[in-house]
Amino acid sequence: MPAASQATAPAAAAAAAPEAAPAAPAISGEQAFAMCTACHSRDAAAPQRMGPNLHNLVGRKAGSNPGFAYSSALKASDITWDAKQLDAYLTAPSKLVPGTRMVIAVPDPARRQALIEYLSAP
């Protein structure tokens, strides 16, 4: 084999090699929500905590869960929670609602998507 062909042979072999194993399974919504449980519950019968109860969150106006003392910023936000709004809020809460008391963001898109799907389920 000529020298030039020998040099390109490893590159060709690498290109033909099988792809790496797929990434680890995506996180479940329940696993993603575990980080939220210090402040929130999703159980309809659970009391409010440091954060509001998130049962039936999707379709609800932000700052409207009875019995929770929301920031005036969130109450005045005119947001109705849907997947798009939740994605923006969980990405950067104070960017979407300056003055909100929520300080925890979910920067990982896969974790955020799993969490949104979990919160959207009945």
PDB file of N, CA and C in Angstrom:
ATOM      1  N   MET A   1       0.844  -1.175   0.000  1.00  0.00           N
ATOM      2  CA  MET A   1       0.000   0.000   0.000  1.00  0.00           C
ATOM      3  C   MET A   1       0.888   1.236   0.000  1.00  0.00           C
ATOM      4  N   PRO A   2       0.657   2.215  -0.866  1.00  0.00           N
ATOM      5  CA  PRO A   2       1.460   3.429  -0.875  1.00  0.00           C
ATOM      6  C   PRO A   2       1.302   4.173   0.447  1.00  0.00           C
ATOM      7  N   ALA A   3       2.283   5.024   0.782  1.00  0.00           N
ATOM      8  CA  ALA A   3       2.294   5.749   2.060  1.00  0.00           C
ATOM      9  C   ALA A   3       1.049   6.602   2.225  1.00  0.00           C
ATOM     10  N   ALA A   4       0.605   7.273   1.180  1.00  0.00           N
ATOM     11  CA  ALA A   4      -0.575   8.134   1.281  1.00  0.00           C
ATOM     12  C   ALA A   4      -1.804   7.309   1.613  1.00  0.00           C
ATOM     13  N   SER A   5      -1.924   6.121   1.007  1.00  0.00           N
ATOM     14  CA  SER A   5      -3.071   5.260   1.278  1.00  0.00           C
ATOM     15  C   SER A   5      -3.040   4.743   2.703  1.00  0.00           C
ATOM     16  N   GLN A   6      -1.837   4.437   3.212  1.00  0.00           N
ATOM     17  CA  GLN A   6      -1.721   3.957   4.589  1.00  0.00           C
ATOM     18  C   GLN A   6      -2.146   5.037   5.574  1.00  0.00           C
ATOM     19  N   ALA A   7      -1.851   6.304   5.271  1.00  0.00           N
ATOM     20  CA  ALA A   7      -2.193   7.402   6.169  1.00  0.00           C
ATOM     21  C   ALA A   7      -3.695   7.619   6.227  1.00  0.00           C
ATOM     22  N   THR A   8      -4.380   7.384   5.116  1.00  0.00           N
ATOM     23  CA  THR A   8      -5.817   7.615   5.104  1.00  0.00           C
ATOM     24  C   THR A   8      -6.605   6.406   5.563  1.00  0.00           C
ATOM     25  N   ALA A   9      -5.979   5.252   5.630  1.00  0.00           N
ATOM     26  CA  ALA A   9      -6.692   4.040   6.044  1.00  0.00           C
ATOM     27  C   ALA A   9      -7.265   4.152   7.454  1.00  0.00           C
ATOM     28  N   PRO A  10      -6.516   4.631   8.468  1.00  0.00           N
ATOM     29  CA  PRO A  10      -7.107   4.754   9.806  1.00  0.00           C
ATOM     30  C   PRO A  10      -8.281   5.729   9.835  1.00  0.00           C
ATOM     31  N   ALA A  11      -8.188   6.809   9.090  1.00  0.00           N
ATOM     32  CA  ALA A  11      -9.282   7.777   9.061  1.00  0.00           C
ATOM     33  C   ALA A  11     -10.526   7.152   8.448  1.00  0.00           C
ATOM     34  N   ALA A  12     -10.347   6.381   7.378  1.00  0.00           N
ATOM     35  CA  ALA A  12     -11.485   5.716   6.748  1.00  0.00           C
ATOM     36  C   ALA A  12     -12.088   4.684   7.686  1.00  0.00           C
ATOM     37  N   ALA A  13     -11.251   3.973   8.416  1.00  0.00           N
ATOM     38  CA  ALA A  13     -11.748   2.969   9.361  1.00  0.00           C
ATOM     39  C   ALA A  13     -12.522   3.634  10.486  1.00  0.00           C
ATOM     40  N   ALA A  14     -12.038   4.773  10.952  1.00  0.00           N
ATOM     41  CA  ALA A  14     -12.733   5.489  12.029  1.00  0.00           C
ATOM     42  C   ALA A  14     -14.087   5.985  11.547  1.00  0.00           C
ATOM     43  N   ALA A  15     -14.141   6.452  10.314  1.00  0.00           N
ATOM     44  CA  ALA A  15     -15.402   6.945   9.773  1.00  0.00           C
ATOM     45  C   ALA A  15     -16.412   5.819   9.616  1.00  0.00           C
ATOM     46  N   ALA A  16     -15.931   4.610   9.351  1.00  0.00           N
ATOM     47  CA  ALA A  16     -16.829   3.480   9.160  1.00  0.00           C
ATOM     48  C   ALA A  16     -17.174   2.784  10.477  1.00  0.00           C
ATOM     49  N   ALA A  17     -16.521   3.169  11.575  1.00  0.00           N
ATOM     50  CA  ALA A  17     -16.774   2.526  12.874  1.00  0.00           C
ATOM     51  C   ALA A  17     -18.206   2.803  13.326  1.00  0.00           C
ATOM     52  N   PRO A  18     -18.782   1.873  14.067  1.00  0.00           N
ATOM     53  CA  PRO A  18     -20.145   2.102  14.550  1.00  0.00           C
ATOM     54  C   PRO A  18     -20.182   3.289  15.503  1.00  0.00           C
ATOM     55  N   GLU A  19     -21.358   3.913  15.586  1.00  0.00           N
ATOM     56  CA  GLU A  19     -21.522   5.066  16.469  1.00  0.00           C
ATOM     57  C   GLU A  19     -21.392   4.624  17.915  1.00  0.00           C
ATOM     58  N   ALA A  20     -21.094   5.570  18.756  1.00  0.00           N
ATOM     59  CA  ALA A  20     -20.990   5.291  20.188  1.00  0.00           C
ATOM     60  C   ALA A  20     -22.351   4.855  20.717  1.00  0.00           C
ATOM     61  N   ALA A  21     -22.330   4.196  21.842  1.00  0.00           N
ATOM     62  CA  ALA A  21     -23.580   3.752  22.469  1.00  0.00           C
ATOM     63  C   ALA A  21     -24.468   4.961  22.738  1.00  0.00           C
ATOM     64  N   PRO A  22     -25.773   4.780  22.680  1.00  0.00           N
ATOM     65  CA  PRO A  22     -26.670   5.908  22.928  1.00  0.00           C
ATOM     66  C   PRO A  22     -26.480   6.443  24.343  1.00  0.00           C
ATOM     67  N   ALA A  23     -26.860   7.698  24.529  1.00  0.00           N
ATOM     68  CA  ALA A  23     -26.743   8.341  25.837  1.00  0.00           C
ATOM     69  C   ALA A  23     -27.622   7.619  26.849  1.00  0.00           C
ATOM     70  N   ALA A  24     -27.347   7.858  28.093  1.00  0.00           N
ATOM     71  CA  ALA A  24     -28.144   7.259  29.166  1.00  0.00           C
ATOM     72  C   ALA A  24     -29.604   7.652  28.981  1.00  0.00           C
ATOM     73  N   PRO A  25     -30.510   6.825  29.462  1.00  0.00           N
ATOM     74  CA  PRO A  25     -31.930   7.149  29.308  1.00  0.00           C
ATOM     75  C   PRO A  25     -32.241   8.523  29.882  1.00  0.00           C
ATOM     76  N   ALA A  26     -33.184   9.174  29.260  1.00  0.00           N
ATOM     77  CA  ALA A  26     -33.595  10.495  29.728  1.00  0.00           C
ATOM     78  C   ALA A  26     -34.168  10.383  31.134  1.00  0.00           C
ATOM     79  N   ILE A  27     -34.053  11.447  31.865  1.00  0.00           N
ATOM     80  CA  ILE A  27     -34.584  11.487  33.218  1.00  0.00           C
ATOM     81  C   ILE A  27     -36.113  11.492  33.156  1.00  0.00           C
ATOM     82  N   SER A  28     -36.744  10.840  34.097  1.00  0.00           N
ATOM     83  CA  SER A  28     -38.208  10.843  34.137  1.00  0.00           C
ATOM     84  C   SER A  28     -38.686  12.154  34.753  1.00  0.00           C
ATOM     85  N   GLY A  29     -39.918  12.491  34.485  1.00  0.00           N
ATOM     86  CA  GLY A  29     -40.498  13.691  35.073  1.00  0.00           C
ATOM     87  C   GLY A  29     -40.536  13.626  36.585  1.00  0.00           C
ATOM     88  N   GLU A  30     -40.838  12.451  37.096  1.00  0.00           N
ATOM     89  CA  GLU A  30     -40.876  12.287  38.551  1.00  0.00           C
ATOM     90  C   GLU A  30     -39.486  12.509  39.149  1.00  0.00           C
ATOM     91  N   GLN A  31     -38.461  12.014  38.470  1.00  0.00           N
ATOM     92  CA  GLN A  31     -37.091  12.247  38.934  1.00  0.00           C
ATOM     93  C   GLN A  31     -36.738  13.733  38.851  1.00  0.00           C
ATOM     94  N   ALA A  32     -37.148  14.374  37.786  1.00  0.00           N
ATOM     95  CA  ALA A  32     -36.877  15.807  37.628  1.00  0.00           C
ATOM     96  C   ALA A  32     -37.588  16.610  38.711  1.00  0.00           C
ATOM     97  N   PHE A  33     -38.805  16.198  39.066  1.00  0.00           N
ATOM     98  CA  PHE A  33     -39.586  16.922  40.074  1.00  0.00           C
ATOM     99  C   PHE A  33     -39.016  16.742  41.479  1.00  0.00           C
ATOM    100  N   ALA A  34     -38.232  15.706  41.693  1.00  0.00           N
ATOM    101  CA  ALA A  34     -37.667  15.449  43.025  1.00  0.00           C
ATOM    102  C   ALA A  34     -36.903  16.662  43.546  1.00  0.00           C
ATOM    103  N   MET A  35     -36.228  17.390  42.664  1.00  0.00           N
ATOM    104  CA  MET A  35     -35.490  18.573  43.110  1.00  0.00           C
ATOM    105  C   MET A  35     -36.419  19.706  43.533  1.00  0.00           C
ATOM    106  N   CYS A  36     -37.677  19.625  43.173  1.00  0.00           N
ATOM    107  CA  CYS A  36     -38.650  20.680  43.478  1.00  0.00           C
ATOM    108  C   CYS A  36     -39.386  20.439  44.798  1.00  0.00           C
ATOM    109  N   THR A  37     -39.319  19.212  45.293  1.00  0.00           N
ATOM    110  CA  THR A  37     -40.173  18.825  46.420  1.00  0.00           C
ATOM    111  C   THR A  37     -39.807  19.476  47.747  1.00  0.00           C
ATOM    112  N   ALA A  38     -38.663  20.091  47.845  1.00  0.00           N
ATOM    113  CA  ALA A  38     -38.349  20.828  49.074  1.00  0.00           C
ATOM    114  C   ALA A  38     -39.284  22.027  49.224  1.00  0.00           C
ATOM    115  N   CYS A  39     -39.758  22.553  48.111  1.00  0.00           N
ATOM    116  CA  CYS A  39     -40.622  23.740  48.139  1.00  0.00           C
ATOM    117  C   CYS A  39     -42.031  23.497  47.611  1.00  0.00           C
ATOM    118  N   HIS A  40     -42.220  22.491  46.758  1.00  0.00           N
ATOM    119  CA  HIS A  40     -43.496  22.283  46.072  1.00  0.00           C
ATOM    120  C   HIS A  40     -44.009  20.858  46.247  1.00  0.00           C
ATOM    121  N   SER A  41     -45.324  20.722  46.117  1.00  0.00           N
ATOM    122  CA  SER A  41     -45.958  19.415  46.035  1.00  0.00           C
ATOM    123  C   SER A  41     -46.814  19.409  44.786  1.00  0.00           C
ATOM    124  N   ARG A  42     -47.137  18.223  44.337  1.00  0.00           N
ATOM    125  CA  ARG A  42     -48.046  18.068  43.203  1.00  0.00           C
ATOM    126  C   ARG A  42     -49.277  17.284  43.623  1.00  0.00           C
ATOM    127  N   ASP A  43     -49.346  16.930  44.870  1.00  0.00           N
ATOM    128  CA  ASP A  43     -50.461  16.173  45.436  1.00  0.00           C
ATOM    129  C   ASP A  43     -51.597  17.145  45.747  1.00  0.00           C
ATOM    130  N   ALA A  44     -52.776  16.884  45.202  1.00  0.00           N
ATOM    131  CA  ALA A  44     -53.916  17.785  45.379  1.00  0.00           C
ATOM    132  C   ALA A  44     -54.236  18.041  46.844  1.00  0.00           C
ATOM    133  N   ALA A  45     -54.028  17.064  47.698  1.00  0.00           N
ATOM    134  CA  ALA A  45     -54.383  17.200  49.112  1.00  0.00           C
ATOM    135  C   ALA A  45     -53.265  17.808  49.956  1.00  0.00           C
ATOM    136  N   ALA A  46     -52.108  18.012  49.383  1.00  0.00           N
ATOM    137  CA  ALA A  46     -50.970  18.528  50.159  1.00  0.00           C
ATOM    138  C   ALA A  46     -51.125  20.021  50.423  1.00  0.00           C
ATOM    139  N   PRO A  47     -50.665  20.458  51.579  1.00  0.00           N
ATOM    140  CA  PRO A  47     -50.729  21.892  51.880  1.00  0.00           C
ATOM    141  C   PRO A  47     -49.680  22.664  51.072  1.00  0.00           C
ATOM    142  N   GLN A  48     -49.831  23.978  51.060  1.00  0.00           N
ATOM    143  CA  GLN A  48     -48.820  24.835  50.443  1.00  0.00           C
ATOM    144  C   GLN A  48     -47.528  24.666  51.241  1.00  0.00           C
ATOM    145  N   ARG A  49     -46.429  24.834  50.586  1.00  0.00           N
ATOM    146  CA  ARG A  49     -45.118  24.778  51.247  1.00  0.00           C
ATOM    147  C   ARG A  49     -44.447  26.130  51.049  1.00  0.00           C
ATOM    148  N   MET A  50     -43.147  26.132  51.031  1.00  0.00           N
ATOM    149  CA  MET A  50     -42.426  27.376  50.758  1.00  0.00           C
ATOM    150  C   MET A  50     -42.830  27.912  49.382  1.00  0.00           C
ATOM    151  N   GLY A  51     -43.131  26.990  48.462  1.00  0.00           N
ATOM    152  CA  GLY A  51     -43.644  27.333  47.145  1.00  0.00           C
ATOM    153  C   GLY A  51     -45.063  26.802  47.033  1.00  0.00           C
ATOM    154  N   PRO A  52     -45.811  27.244  46.044  1.00  0.00           N
ATOM    155  CA  PRO A  52     -47.203  26.806  45.908  1.00  0.00           C
ATOM    156  C   PRO A  52     -47.331  25.346  45.481  1.00  0.00           C
ATOM    157  N   ASN A  53     -48.485  24.775  45.758  1.00  0.00           N
ATOM    158  CA  ASN A  53     -48.825  23.438  45.296  1.00  0.00           C
ATOM    159  C   ASN A  53     -48.970  23.509  43.772  1.00  0.00           C
ATOM    160  N   LEU A  54     -48.397  22.565  43.069  1.00  0.00           N
ATOM    161  CA  LEU A  54     -48.387  22.593  41.602  1.00  0.00           C
ATOM    162  C   LEU A  54     -49.380  21.627  40.966  1.00  0.00           C
ATOM    163  N   HIS A  55     -50.310  21.098  41.759  1.00  0.00           N
ATOM    164  CA  HIS A  55     -51.350  20.219  41.217  1.00  0.00           C
ATOM    165  C   HIS A  55     -52.193  21.013  40.215  1.00  0.00           C
ATOM    166  N   ASN A  56     -52.438  20.441  39.044  1.00  0.00           N
ATOM    167  CA  ASN A  56     -53.225  21.093  37.981  1.00  0.00           C
ATOM    168  C   ASN A  56     -52.670  22.464  37.614  1.00  0.00           C
ATOM    169  N   LEU A  57     -51.375  22.563  37.515  1.00  0.00           N
ATOM    170  CA  LEU A  57     -50.725  23.837  37.208  1.00  0.00           C
ATOM    171  C   LEU A  57     -51.022  24.320  35.791  1.00  0.00           C
ATOM    172  N   VAL A  58     -50.911  23.424  34.818  1.00  0.00           N
ATOM    173  CA  VAL A  58     -51.078  23.821  33.417  1.00  0.00           C
ATOM    174  C   VAL A  58     -52.521  24.264  33.175  1.00  0.00           C
ATOM    175  N   GLY A  59     -52.654  25.441  32.577  1.00  0.00           N
ATOM    176  CA  GLY A  59     -53.960  26.032  32.314  1.00  0.00           C
ATOM    177  C   GLY A  59     -54.387  27.018  33.392  1.00  0.00           C
ATOM    178  N   ARG A  60     -53.631  27.079  34.472  1.00  0.00           N
ATOM    179  CA  ARG A  60     -53.967  27.974  35.583  1.00  0.00           C
ATOM    180  C   ARG A  60     -53.227  29.300  35.405  1.00  0.00           C
ATOM    181  N   LYS A  61     -53.873  30.377  35.820  1.00  0.00           N
ATOM    182  CA  LYS A  61     -53.233  31.692  35.794  1.00  0.00           C
ATOM    183  C   LYS A  61     -52.153  31.733  36.866  1.00  0.00           C
ATOM    184  N   ALA A  62     -51.012  32.272  36.520  1.00  0.00           N
ATOM    185  CA  ALA A  62     -49.906  32.389  37.476  1.00  0.00           C
ATOM    186  C   ALA A  62     -50.341  33.226  38.671  1.00  0.00           C
ATOM    187  N   GLY A  63     -49.938  32.790  39.844  1.00  0.00           N
ATOM    188  CA  GLY A  63     -50.233  33.532  41.064  1.00  0.00           C
ATOM    189  C   GLY A  63     -51.656  33.408  41.549  1.00  0.00           C
ATOM    190  N   SER A  64     -52.353  32.353  41.137  1.00  0.00           N
ATOM    191  CA  SER A  64     -53.779  32.251  41.468  1.00  0.00           C
ATOM    192  C   SER A  64     -54.146  31.091  42.383  1.00  0.00           C
ATOM    193  N   ASN A  65     -53.184  30.301  42.835  1.00  0.00           N
ATOM    194  CA  ASN A  65     -53.507  29.166  43.703  1.00  0.00           C
ATOM    195  C   ASN A  65     -53.916  29.704  45.073  1.00  0.00           C
ATOM    196  N   PRO A  66     -55.162  29.463  45.492  1.00  0.00           N
ATOM    197  CA  PRO A  66     -55.628  30.013  46.770  1.00  0.00           C
ATOM    198  C   PRO A  66     -54.765  29.530  47.933  1.00  0.00           C
ATOM    199  N   GLY A  67     -54.542  30.416  48.863  1.00  0.00           N
ATOM    200  CA  GLY A  67     -53.815  30.037  50.062  1.00  0.00           C
ATOM    201  C   GLY A  67     -52.313  30.190  49.971  1.00  0.00           C
ATOM    202  N   PHE A  68     -51.803  30.697  48.859  1.00  0.00           N
ATOM    203  CA  PHE A  68     -50.364  30.916  48.766  1.00  0.00           C
ATOM    204  C   PHE A  68     -50.098  32.404  48.569  1.00  0.00           C
ATOM    205  N   ALA A  69     -49.112  32.916  49.274  1.00  0.00           N
ATOM    206  CA  ALA A  69     -48.749  34.338  49.199  1.00  0.00           C
ATOM    207  C   ALA A  69     -47.723  34.553  48.082  1.00  0.00           C
ATOM    208  N   TYR A  70     -48.216  34.763  46.880  1.00  0.00           N
ATOM    209  CA  TYR A  70     -47.354  34.984  45.717  1.00  0.00           C
ATOM    210  C   TYR A  70     -46.745  36.384  45.737  1.00  0.00           C
ATOM    211  N   SER A  71     -45.669  36.549  45.011  1.00  0.00           N
ATOM    212  CA  SER A  71     -45.097  37.888  44.828  1.00  0.00           C
ATOM    213  C   SER A  71     -46.075  38.713  44.001  1.00  0.00           C
ATOM    214  N   SER A  72     -46.054  40.010  44.220  1.00  0.00           N
ATOM    215  CA  SER A  72     -46.933  40.871  43.422  1.00  0.00           C
ATOM    216  C   SER A  72     -46.542  40.794  41.945  1.00  0.00           C
ATOM    217  N   ALA A  73     -45.270  40.567  41.668  1.00  0.00           N
ATOM    218  CA  ALA A  73     -44.811  40.453  40.276  1.00  0.00           C
ATOM    219  C   ALA A  73     -45.461  39.267  39.576  1.00  0.00           C
ATOM    220  N   LEU A  74     -45.522  38.120  40.246  1.00  0.00           N
ATOM    221  CA  LEU A  74     -46.120  36.939  39.617  1.00  0.00           C
ATOM    222  C   LEU A  74     -47.630  37.119  39.470  1.00  0.00           C
ATOM    223  N   LYS A  75     -48.277  37.680  40.486  1.00  0.00           N
ATOM    224  CA  LYS A  75     -49.727  37.907  40.400  1.00  0.00           C
ATOM    225  C   LYS A  75     -50.073  38.861  39.265  1.00  0.00           C
ATOM    226  N   ALA A  76     -49.220  39.832  39.010  1.00  0.00           N
ATOM    227  CA  ALA A  76     -49.473  40.822  37.961  1.00  0.00           C
ATOM    228  C   ALA A  76     -48.967  40.384  36.588  1.00  0.00           C
ATOM    229  N   SER A  77     -48.391  39.207  36.492  1.00  0.00           N
ATOM    230  CA  SER A  77     -47.715  38.783  35.259  1.00  0.00           C
ATOM    231  C   SER A  77     -48.636  38.485  34.085  1.00  0.00           C
ATOM    232  N   ASP A  78     -49.878  38.193  34.317  1.00  0.00           N
ATOM    233  CA  ASP A  78     -50.833  37.851  33.258  1.00  0.00           C
ATOM    234  C   ASP A  78     -50.418  36.599  32.483  1.00  0.00           C
ATOM    235  N   ILE A  79     -49.688  35.711  33.139  1.00  0.00           N
ATOM    236  CA  ILE A  79     -49.272  34.441  32.537  1.00  0.00           C
ATOM    237  C   ILE A  79     -50.312  33.379  32.849  1.00  0.00           C
ATOM    238  N   THR A  80     -50.645  32.585  31.856  1.00  0.00           N
ATOM    239  CA  THR A  80     -51.392  31.350  32.071  1.00  0.00           C
ATOM    240  C   THR A  80     -50.409  30.236  31.740  1.00  0.00           C
ATOM    241  N   TRP A  81     -50.227  29.327  32.694  1.00  0.00           N
ATOM    242  CA  TRP A  81     -49.190  28.307  32.540  1.00  0.00           C
ATOM    243  C   TRP A  81     -49.515  27.317  31.429  1.00  0.00           C
ATOM    244  N   ASP A  82     -48.605  27.211  30.486  1.00  0.00           N
ATOM    245  CA  ASP A  82     -48.621  26.192  29.440  1.00  0.00           C
ATOM    246  C   ASP A  82     -47.164  25.763  29.246  1.00  0.00           C
ATOM    247  N   ALA A  83     -46.930  24.834  28.354  1.00  0.00           N
ATOM    248  CA  ALA A  83     -45.573  24.310  28.175  1.00  0.00           C
ATOM    249  C   ALA A  83     -44.582  25.409  27.793  1.00  0.00           C
ATOM    250  N   LYS A  84     -44.985  26.311  26.923  1.00  0.00           N
ATOM    251  CA  LYS A  84     -44.085  27.380  26.475  1.00  0.00           C
ATOM    252  C   LYS A  84     -43.729  28.318  27.630  1.00  0.00           C
ATOM    253  N   GLN A  85     -44.730  28.722  28.409  1.00  0.00           N
ATOM    254  CA  GLN A  85     -44.482  29.622  29.543  1.00  0.00           C
ATOM    255  C   GLN A  85     -43.649  28.928  30.617  1.00  0.00           C
ATOM    256  N   LEU A  86     -43.965  27.664  30.888  1.00  0.00           N
ATOM    257  CA  LEU A  86     -43.183  26.918  31.879  1.00  0.00           C
ATOM    258  C   LEU A  86     -41.731  26.786  31.441  1.00  0.00           C
ATOM    259  N   ASP A  87     -41.514  26.540  30.159  1.00  0.00           N
ATOM    260  CA  ASP A  87     -40.151  26.421  29.658  1.00  0.00           C
ATOM    261  C   ASP A  87     -39.385  27.724  29.887  1.00  0.00           C
ATOM    262  N   ALA A  88     -39.997  28.838  29.548  1.00  0.00           N
ATOM    263  CA  ALA A  88     -39.339  30.136  29.740  1.00  0.00           C
ATOM    264  C   ALA A  88     -39.100  30.417  31.223  1.00  0.00           C
ATOM    265  N   TYR A  89     -40.085  30.124  32.058  1.00  0.00           N
ATOM    266  CA  TYR A  89     -39.973  30.398  33.496  1.00  0.00           C
ATOM    267  C   TYR A  89     -38.922  29.508  34.148  1.00  0.00           C
ATOM    268  N   LEU A  90     -38.940  28.235  33.821  1.00  0.00           N
ATOM    269  CA  LEU A  90     -37.982  27.318  34.433  1.00  0.00           C
ATOM    270  C   LEU A  90     -36.557  27.543  33.919  1.00  0.00           C
ATOM    271  N   THR A  91     -36.430  28.101  32.733  1.00  0.00           N
ATOM    272  CA  THR A  91     -35.110  28.438  32.197  1.00  0.00           C
ATOM    273  C   THR A  91     -34.492  29.587  32.988  1.00  0.00           C
ATOM    274  N   ALA A  92     -35.282  30.617  33.254  1.00  0.00           N
ATOM    275  CA  ALA A  92     -34.795  31.811  33.970  1.00  0.00           C
ATOM    276  C   ALA A  92     -35.994  32.520  34.593  1.00  0.00           C
ATOM    277  N   PRO A  93     -36.407  32.105  35.798  1.00  0.00           N
ATOM    278  CA  PRO A  93     -37.617  32.678  36.407  1.00  0.00           C
ATOM    279  C   PRO A  93     -37.631  34.203  36.454  1.00  0.00           C
ATOM    280  N   SER A  94     -36.556  34.819  36.911  1.00  0.00           N
ATOM    281  CA  SER A  94     -36.561  36.275  37.060  1.00  0.00           C
ATOM    282  C   SER A  94     -36.433  37.014  35.732  1.00  0.00           C
ATOM    283  N   LYS A  95     -36.065  36.314  34.681  1.00  0.00           N
ATOM    284  CA  LYS A  95     -36.046  36.941  33.355  1.00  0.00           C
ATOM    285  C   LYS A  95     -37.473  37.048  32.824  1.00  0.00           C
ATOM    286  N   LEU A  96     -38.268  35.989  33.015  1.00  0.00           N
ATOM    287  CA  LEU A  96     -39.657  36.029  32.555  1.00  0.00           C
ATOM    288  C   LEU A  96     -40.500  36.909  33.466  1.00  0.00           C
ATOM    289  N   VAL A  97     -40.275  36.812  34.770  1.00  0.00           N
ATOM    290  CA  VAL A  97     -41.061  37.577  35.742  1.00  0.00           C
ATOM    291  C   VAL A  97     -40.092  38.280  36.705  1.00  0.00           C
ATOM    292  N   PRO A  98     -39.599  39.448  36.328  1.00  0.00           N
ATOM    293  CA  PRO A  98     -38.735  40.180  37.256  1.00  0.00           C
ATOM    294  C   PRO A  98     -39.486  40.439  38.566  1.00  0.00           C
ATOM    295  N   GLY A  99     -38.850  40.113  39.675  1.00  0.00           N
ATOM    296  CA  GLY A  99     -39.488  40.291  40.974  1.00  0.00           C
ATOM    297  C   GLY A  99     -40.089  39.024  41.540  1.00  0.00           C
ATOM    298  N   THR A 100     -40.047  37.922  40.780  1.00  0.00           N
ATOM    299  CA  THR A 100     -40.562  36.664  41.306  1.00  0.00           C
ATOM    300  C   THR A 100     -39.688  36.206  42.468  1.00  0.00           C
ATOM    301  N   ARG A 101     -40.259  35.415  43.358  1.00  0.00           N
ATOM    302  CA  ARG A 101     -39.476  34.867  44.470  1.00  0.00           C
ATOM    303  C   ARG A 101     -38.816  33.543  44.106  1.00  0.00           C
ATOM    304  N   MET A 102     -39.216  32.969  42.994  1.00  0.00           N
ATOM    305  CA  MET A 102     -38.618  31.699  42.553  1.00  0.00           C
ATOM    306  C   MET A 102     -37.198  31.983  42.076  1.00  0.00           C
ATOM    307  N   VAL A 103     -36.241  31.325  42.700  1.00  0.00           N
ATOM    308  CA  VAL A 103     -34.840  31.588  42.354  1.00  0.00           C
ATOM    309  C   VAL A 103     -34.159  30.385  41.716  1.00  0.00           C
ATOM    310  N   ILE A 104     -34.799  29.239  41.719  1.00  0.00           N
ATOM    311  CA  ILE A 104     -34.206  28.021  41.177  1.00  0.00           C
ATOM    312  C   ILE A 104     -34.577  27.889  39.702  1.00  0.00           C
ATOM    313  N   ALA A 105     -33.567  27.775  38.860  1.00  0.00           N
ATOM    314  CA  ALA A 105     -33.781  27.552  37.430  1.00  0.00           C
ATOM    315  C   ALA A 105     -33.465  26.096  37.109  1.00  0.00           C
ATOM    316  N   VAL A 106     -33.933  25.656  35.957  1.00  0.00           N
ATOM    317  CA  VAL A 106     -33.641  24.305  35.468  1.00  0.00           C
ATOM    318  C   VAL A 106     -32.939  24.494  34.123  1.00  0.00           C
ATOM    319  N   PRO A 107     -31.616  24.648  34.149  1.00  0.00           N
ATOM    320  CA  PRO A 107     -30.898  24.970  32.916  1.00  0.00           C
ATOM    321  C   PRO A 107     -30.809  23.834  31.900  1.00  0.00           C
ATOM    322  N   ASP A 108     -30.881  22.588  32.353  1.00  0.00           N
ATOM    323  CA  ASP A 108     -30.750  21.450  31.442  1.00  0.00           C
ATOM    324  C   ASP A 108     -32.048  21.255  30.653  1.00  0.00           C
ATOM    325  N   PRO A 109     -32.024  21.389  29.324  1.00  0.00           N
ATOM    326  CA  PRO A 109     -33.243  21.279  28.525  1.00  0.00           C
ATOM    327  C   PRO A 109     -33.966  19.938  28.669  1.00  0.00           C
ATOM    328  N   ALA A 110     -33.236  18.835  28.763  1.00  0.00           N
ATOM    329  CA  ALA A 110     -33.885  17.520  28.888  1.00  0.00           C
ATOM    330  C   ALA A 110     -34.597  17.402  30.232  1.00  0.00           C
ATOM    331  N   ARG A 111     -33.961  17.852  31.286  1.00  0.00           N
ATOM    332  CA  ARG A 111     -34.578  17.824  32.618  1.00  0.00           C
ATOM    333  C   ARG A 111     -35.802  18.745  32.644  1.00  0.00           C
ATOM    334  N   ARG A 112     -35.661  19.909  32.037  1.00  0.00           N
ATOM    335  CA  ARG A 112     -36.763  20.874  32.001  1.00  0.00           C
ATOM    336  C   ARG A 112     -37.953  20.303  31.229  1.00  0.00           C
ATOM    337  N   GLN A 113     -37.697  19.667  30.097  1.00  0.00           N
ATOM    338  CA  GLN A 113     -38.774  19.066  29.304  1.00  0.00           C
ATOM    339  C   GLN A 113     -39.465  17.955  30.075  1.00  0.00           C
ATOM    340  N   ALA A 114     -38.691  17.120  30.748  1.00  0.00           N
ATOM    341  CA  ALA A 114     -39.281  16.042  31.558  1.00  0.00           C
ATOM    342  C   ALA A 114     -40.145  16.629  32.663  1.00  0.00           C
ATOM    343  N   LEU A 115     -39.687  17.690  33.279  1.00  0.00           N
ATOM    344  CA  LEU A 115     -40.437  18.341  34.351  1.00  0.00           C
ATOM    345  C   LEU A 115     -41.733  18.949  33.823  1.00  0.00           C
ATOM    346  N   ILE A 116     -41.674  19.593  32.677  1.00  0.00           N
ATOM    347  CA  ILE A 116     -42.870  20.193  32.076  1.00  0.00           C
ATOM    348  C   ILE A 116     -43.886  19.115  31.726  1.00  0.00           C
ATOM    349  N   GLU A 117     -43.436  18.010  31.156  1.00  0.00           N
ATOM    350  CA  GLU A 117     -44.355  16.909  30.837  1.00  0.00           C
ATOM    351  C   GLU A 117     -44.987  16.354  32.112  1.00  0.00           C
ATOM    352  N   TYR A 118     -44.208  16.234  33.159  1.00  0.00           N
ATOM    353  CA  TYR A 118     -44.711  15.731  34.446  1.00  0.00           C
ATOM    354  C   TYR A 118     -45.753  16.688  35.030  1.00  0.00           C
ATOM    355  N   LEU A 119     -45.471  17.977  34.984  1.00  0.00           N
ATOM    356  CA  LEU A 119     -46.418  18.960  35.516  1.00  0.00           C
ATOM    357  C   LEU A 119     -47.667  19.075  34.649  1.00  0.00           C
ATOM    358  N   SER A 120     -47.569  18.704  33.386  1.00  0.00           N
ATOM    359  CA  SER A 120     -48.712  18.778  32.471  1.00  0.00           C
ATOM    360  C   SER A 120     -49.640  17.578  32.588  1.00  0.00           C
ATOM    361  N   ALA A 121     -49.148  16.500  33.168  1.00  0.00           N
ATOM    362  CA  ALA A 121     -49.963  15.280  33.302  1.00  0.00           C
ATOM    363  C   ALA A 121     -51.018  15.483  34.387  1.00  0.00           C
ATOM    364  N   PRO A 122     -52.174  14.850  34.212  1.00  0.00           N
ATOM    365  CA  PRO A 122     -53.222  14.983  35.244  1.00  0.00           C
ATOM    366  C   PRO A 122     -52.838  14.334  36.556  1.00  0.00           C
TER     367      PRO A 122
END
